C-alpha atoms as a PDB file:
ATOM      1  CA  MET A   1       0.000   0.000   0.000  1.00  0.00           C
ATOM      2  CA  SER A   2       1.236   3.482  -0.818  1.00  0.00           C
ATOM      3  CA  LEU A   3       1.060   6.478   1.543  1.00  0.00           C
ATOM      4  CA  ARG A   4       0.632  10.123   0.461  1.00  0.00           C
ATOM      5  CA  SER A   5       4.299  10.706   1.240  1.00  0.00           C
ATOM      6  CA  GLY A   6       5.163   8.111  -1.417  1.00  0.00           C
ATOM      7  CA  GLU A   7       6.334   5.579   1.162  1.00  0.00           C
ATOM      8  CA  ILE A   8       5.265   2.027   0.338  1.00  0.00           C
ATOM      9  CA  VAL A   9       4.068  -0.068   3.284  1.00  0.00           C
ATOM     10  CA  ASP A  10       3.894  -3.853   2.984  1.00  0.00           C
ATOM     11  CA  GLY A  11       1.280  -4.703   5.604  1.00  0.00           C
ATOM     12  CA  ILE A  12       0.793  -8.419   4.977  1.00  0.00           C
ATOM     13  CA  GLY A  13       2.224 -10.457   7.830  1.00  0.00           C
ATOM     14  CA  LYS A  14       2.832  -7.355   9.941  1.00  0.00           C
ATOM     15  CA  ARG A  15       1.311  -5.121  12.591  1.00  0.00           C
ATOM     16  CA  TYR A  16       1.865  -1.356  12.276  1.00  0.00           C
ATOM     17  CA  ALA A  17       0.417   0.719  15.127  1.00  0.00           C
ATOM     18  CA  SER A  18       1.941   3.863  13.580  1.00  0.00           C
ATOM     19  CA  TYR A  19      -0.281   3.617  10.478  1.00  0.00           C
ATOM     20  CA  SER A  20      -3.998   3.680  11.178  1.00  0.00           C
ATOM     21  CA  ILE A  21      -4.925   2.766   7.591  1.00  0.00           C
ATOM     22  CA  ALA A  22      -5.069  -1.000   8.066  1.00  0.00           C
ATOM     23  CA  ARG A  23      -5.514  -3.635  10.707  1.00  0.00           C
ATOM     24  CA  PRO A  24      -2.858  -6.290  11.364  1.00  0.00           C
ATOM     25  CA  MET A  25      -2.866  -8.879   8.577  1.00  0.00           C
ATOM     26  CA  PRO A  26      -1.409 -12.306   9.354  1.00  0.00           C
ATOM     27  CA  LYS A  27      -0.393 -14.097   6.129  1.00  0.00           C
ATOM     28  CA  ILE A  28      -2.534 -17.111   7.004  1.00  0.00           C
ATOM     29  CA  ARG A  29      -5.823 -17.239   8.874  1.00  0.00           C
ATOM     30  CA  SER A  30      -7.761 -20.480   8.507  1.00  0.00           C
ATOM     31  CA  LYS A  31     -10.655 -22.456   9.937  1.00  0.00           C
ATOM     32  CA  THR A  32     -10.943 -26.201   9.330  1.00  0.00           C
ATOM     33  CA  SER A  33     -14.120 -28.037  10.322  1.00  0.00           C
ATOM     34  CA  ILE A  34     -14.949 -31.685  10.875  1.00  0.00           C
ATOM     35  CA  ASP A  35     -18.707 -32.318  10.958  1.00  0.00           C
ATOM     36  CA  TRP A  36     -20.660 -35.426  11.950  1.00  0.00           C
ATOM     37  CA  SER A  37     -24.387 -36.092  11.756  1.00  0.00           C
ATOM     38  CA  LYS A  38     -26.561 -39.088  12.607  1.00  0.00           C
ATOM     39  CA  ASN A  39     -30.315 -39.190  13.105  1.00  0.00           C
ATOM     40  CA  GLN A  40     -31.196 -36.350  15.503  1.00  0.00           C
ATOM     41  CA  PHE A  41     -27.602 -35.486  16.511  1.00  0.00           C
ATOM     42  CA  ASP A  42     -25.007 -33.188  14.933  1.00  0.00           C
ATOM     43  CA  ALA A  43     -21.474 -32.494  16.121  1.00  0.00           C
ATOM     44  CA  SER A  44     -18.556 -30.455  14.819  1.00  0.00           C
ATOM     45  CA  ILE A  45     -15.002 -29.583  15.731  1.00  0.00           C
ATOM     46  CA  ASP A  46     -13.410 -26.423  14.322  1.00  0.00           C
ATOM     47  CA  ILE A  47      -9.659 -25.806  14.297  1.00  0.00           C
ATOM     48  CA  ASN A  48      -8.814 -22.086  14.043  1.00  0.00           C
ATOM     49  CA  TYR A  49      -5.302 -20.967  13.097  1.00  0.00           C
ATOM     50  CA  ILE A  50      -3.762 -17.481  12.981  1.00  0.00           C
ATOM     51  CA  HIS A  51      -0.214 -17.387  11.603  1.00  0.00           C
ATOM     52  CA  GLY A  52       2.450 -15.444  13.510  1.00  0.00           C
ATOM     53  CA  TYR A  53       3.405 -11.988  12.261  1.00  0.00           C
ATOM     54  CA  GLN A  54       5.949  -9.190  12.752  1.00  0.00           C
ATOM     55  CA  ASP A  55       5.191  -6.331  15.120  1.00  0.00           C
ATOM     56  CA  GLU A  56       6.652  -3.271  13.393  1.00  0.00           C
ATOM     57  CA  SER A  57       5.231  -0.879  15.999  1.00  0.00           C
ATOM     58  CA  THR A  58       7.378   1.253  18.255  1.00  0.00           C
ATOM     59  CA  GLN A  59       7.682  -0.390  21.669  1.00  0.00           C
ATOM     60  CA  THR A  60       7.858   1.961  24.631  1.00  0.00           C
ATOM     61  CA  ALA A  61      10.231   1.484  27.555  1.00  0.00           C
ATOM     62  CA  PHE A  62       7.310   1.891  29.976  1.00  0.00           C
ATOM     63  CA  LEU A  63       5.348  -1.101  28.618  1.00  0.00           C
ATOM     64  CA  GLY A  64       8.553  -3.015  27.905  1.00  0.00           C
ATOM     65  CA  ALA A  65       9.553  -2.762  31.573  1.00  0.00           C
ATOM     66  CA  TYR A  66       6.331  -4.496  32.617  1.00  0.00           C
ATOM     67  CA  LEU A  67       5.561  -6.807  29.701  1.00  0.00           C
ATOM     68  CA  GLY A  68       8.946  -7.355  28.083  1.00  0.00           C
ATOM     69  CA  TYR A  69       9.779  -6.738  24.428  1.00  0.00           C
ATOM     70  CA  ALA A  70       8.367  -8.807  21.583  1.00  0.00           C
ATOM     71  CA  ASP A  71       8.889  -7.919  17.927  1.00  0.00           C
ATOM     72  CA  TYR A  72       7.155 -11.083  16.716  1.00  0.00           C
ATOM     73  CA  ILE A  73       3.567 -12.052  17.548  1.00  0.00           C
ATOM     74  CA  GLU A  74       3.373 -15.838  17.881  1.00  0.00           C
ATOM     75  CA  ALA A  75       0.951 -18.052  15.933  1.00  0.00           C
ATOM     76  CA  MET A  76      -2.185 -19.249  17.709  1.00  0.00           C
ATOM     77  CA  THR A  77      -4.331 -22.348  17.247  1.00  0.00           C
ATOM     78  CA  SER A  78      -7.642 -22.817  19.048  1.00  0.00           C
ATOM     79  CA  ILE A  79     -10.311 -25.520  18.933  1.00  0.00           C
ATOM     80  CA  ASP A  80     -14.094 -25.095  19.092  1.00  0.00           C
ATOM     81  CA  ALA A  81     -16.562 -27.968  19.663  1.00  0.00           C
ATOM     82  CA  HIS A  82     -20.339 -28.034  19.149  1.00  0.00           C
ATOM     83  CA  VAL A  83     -23.060 -30.655  19.597  1.00  0.00           C
ATOM     84  CA  SER A  84     -26.795 -30.372  18.938  1.00  0.00           C
ATOM     85  CA  TRP A  85     -29.949 -32.470  19.138  1.00  0.00           C
ATOM     86  CA  CYS A  86     -33.151 -31.887  17.203  1.00  0.00           C
ATOM     87  CA  GLY A  87     -36.489 -33.543  17.850  1.00  0.00           C
ATOM     88  CA  ASP A  88     -40.175 -32.995  18.412  1.00  0.00           C
ATOM     89  CA  SER A  89     -40.978 -30.292  20.932  1.00  0.00           C
ATOM     90  CA  LEU A  90     -43.594 -30.536  23.663  1.00  0.00           C
ATOM     91  CA  ILE A  91     -45.932 -28.539  21.416  1.00  0.00           C
ATOM     92  CA  GLY A  92     -46.010 -31.263  18.762  1.00  0.00           C
ATOM     93  CA  PRO A  93     -44.199 -32.781  15.756  1.00  0.00           C
ATOM     94  CA  LYS A  94     -44.815 -29.752  13.512  1.00  0.00           C
ATOM     95  CA  THR A  95     -42.684 -27.519  15.767  1.00  0.00           C
ATOM     96  CA  PRO A  96     -39.198 -29.077  16.005  1.00  0.00           C
ATOM     97  CA  LEU A  97     -36.918 -28.140  18.879  1.00  0.00           C
ATOM     98  CA  ARG A  98     -33.123 -27.849  18.545  1.00  0.00           C
ATOM     99  CA  LEU A  99     -30.875 -27.843  21.619  1.00  0.00           C
ATOM    100  CA  SER A 100     -27.241 -26.850  21.017  1.00  0.00           C
ATOM    101  CA  PHE A 101     -24.199 -26.740  23.264  1.00  0.00           C
ATOM    102  CA  GLY A 102     -20.731 -25.555  22.337  1.00  0.00           C
ATOM    103  CA  ILE A 103     -17.341 -24.601  23.688  1.00  0.00           C
ATOM    104  CA  LYS A 104     -15.160 -21.964  22.009  1.00  0.00           C
ATOM    105  CA  ASN A 105     -11.420 -22.166  22.715  1.00  0.00           C
ATOM    106  CA  LEU A 106     -11.788 -25.639  24.218  1.00  0.00           C
ATOM    107  CA  LEU A 107      -8.164 -25.786  25.436  1.00  0.00           C
ATOM    108  CA  ASN A 108      -8.403 -22.289  27.005  1.00  0.00           C
ATOM    109  CA  ARG A 109      -5.448 -20.874  25.020  1.00  0.00           C
ATOM    110  CA  GLU A 110      -4.328 -17.334  25.833  1.00  0.00           C
ATOM    111  CA  PRO A 111      -3.611 -14.938  22.956  1.00  0.00           C
ATOM    112  CA  PRO A 112       0.061 -14.278  22.170  1.00  0.00           C
ATOM    113  CA  LEU A 113       1.843 -11.361  23.844  1.00  0.00           C
ATOM    114  CA  VAL A 114       1.789  -7.973  22.122  1.00  0.00           C
ATOM    115  CA  ILE A 115       3.404  -4.918  23.695  1.00  0.00           C
ATOM    116  CA  VAL A 116       0.304  -2.707  23.949  1.00  0.00           C
ATOM    117  CA  ASP A 117      -2.168  -1.852  26.695  1.00  0.00           C
ATOM    118  CA  GLY A 118      -4.005  -5.110  27.326  1.00  0.00           C
ATOM    119  CA  ALA A 119      -1.022  -7.175  26.047  1.00  0.00           C
ATOM    120  CA  PHE A 120      -2.873  -8.717  23.060  1.00  0.00           C
ATOM    121  CA  ASP A 121      -3.803  -7.733  19.493  1.00  0.00           C
ATOM    122  CA  TYR A 122      -7.550  -7.142  19.771  1.00  0.00           C
ATOM    123  CA  TYR A 123      -7.985  -7.089  15.969  1.00  0.00           C
ATOM    124  CA  SER A 124      -6.667 -10.640  15.542  1.00  0.00           C
ATOM    125  CA  HIS A 125      -7.140 -12.492  18.840  1.00  0.00           C
ATOM    126  CA  ASP A 126      -9.841 -13.035  21.459  1.00  0.00           C
ATOM    127  CA  PRO A 127      -8.627 -12.694  25.081  1.00  0.00           C
ATOM    128  CA  ARG A 128     -11.721 -14.155  26.760  1.00  0.00           C
ATOM    129  CA  GLY A 129     -10.449 -17.738  27.003  1.00  0.00           C
ATOM    130  CA  ARG A 130     -12.855 -20.668  27.074  1.00  0.00           C
ATOM    131  CA  LEU A 131     -16.510 -19.780  26.404  1.00  0.00           C
ATOM    132  CA  TYR A 132     -19.547 -22.005  26.895  1.00  0.00           C
ATOM    133  CA  LEU A 133     -22.511 -21.545  24.557  1.00  0.00           C
ATOM    134  CA  MET A 134     -26.049 -22.877  24.755  1.00  0.00           C
ATOM    135  CA  ARG A 135     -28.944 -22.271  22.386  1.00  0.00           C
ATOM    136  CA  VAL A 136     -32.570 -23.380  22.204  1.00  0.00           C
ATOM    137  CA  GLN A 137     -34.364 -22.962  18.857  1.00  0.00           C
ATOM    138  CA  THR A 138     -37.841 -23.766  17.672  1.00  0.00           C
ATOM    139  CA  SER A 139     -39.723 -23.069  14.472  1.00  0.00           C
ATOM    140  CA  SER A 140     -43.185 -23.618  13.112  1.00  0.00           C
ATOM    141  CA  GLY A 141     -44.960 -23.700   9.795  1.00  0.00           C
ATOM    142  CA  THR A 142     -45.384 -26.158   6.980  1.00  0.00           C
ATOM    143  CA  GLU A 143     -41.651 -26.222   6.119  1.00  0.00           C
ATOM    144  CA  ALA A 144     -40.386 -26.619   9.729  1.00  0.00           C
ATOM    145  CA  SER A 145     -38.148 -29.669  10.217  1.00  0.00           C
ATOM    146  CA  CYS A 146     -34.904 -30.734  11.838  1.00  0.00           C
ATOM    147  CA  ARG A 147     -33.057 -30.861   8.498  1.00  0.00           C
END
């Protein structure tokens, strides 16, 4: 990308806090899913990968004294798991009920260290750790079904 000054900035695979024109862009960001389904049950496992990237931002002595210095943001892999059941609801067979349960970041991985307030890159990583999800869905009408 080219700035007004004529300077060319290669942002892919880098984080530049000095330039507010683009977010950090790891070279590789992928999600691979394995899905399984049988009768009323569905399950899936998602593997999320964010490739490591250079931190080209200026690192202050103040934050460096507390967090250390890191010019490379490490890669991160996390795993999500989901399971769901679908069947007739208490209302009747024409109103199917789906119960879903999931876990995001199953292994409770922390985001890699970045020398900023908060110590993580909030554009690329989620600092919340393991999350539990639950959902109840129902539908009605002539087209309502579990599939």
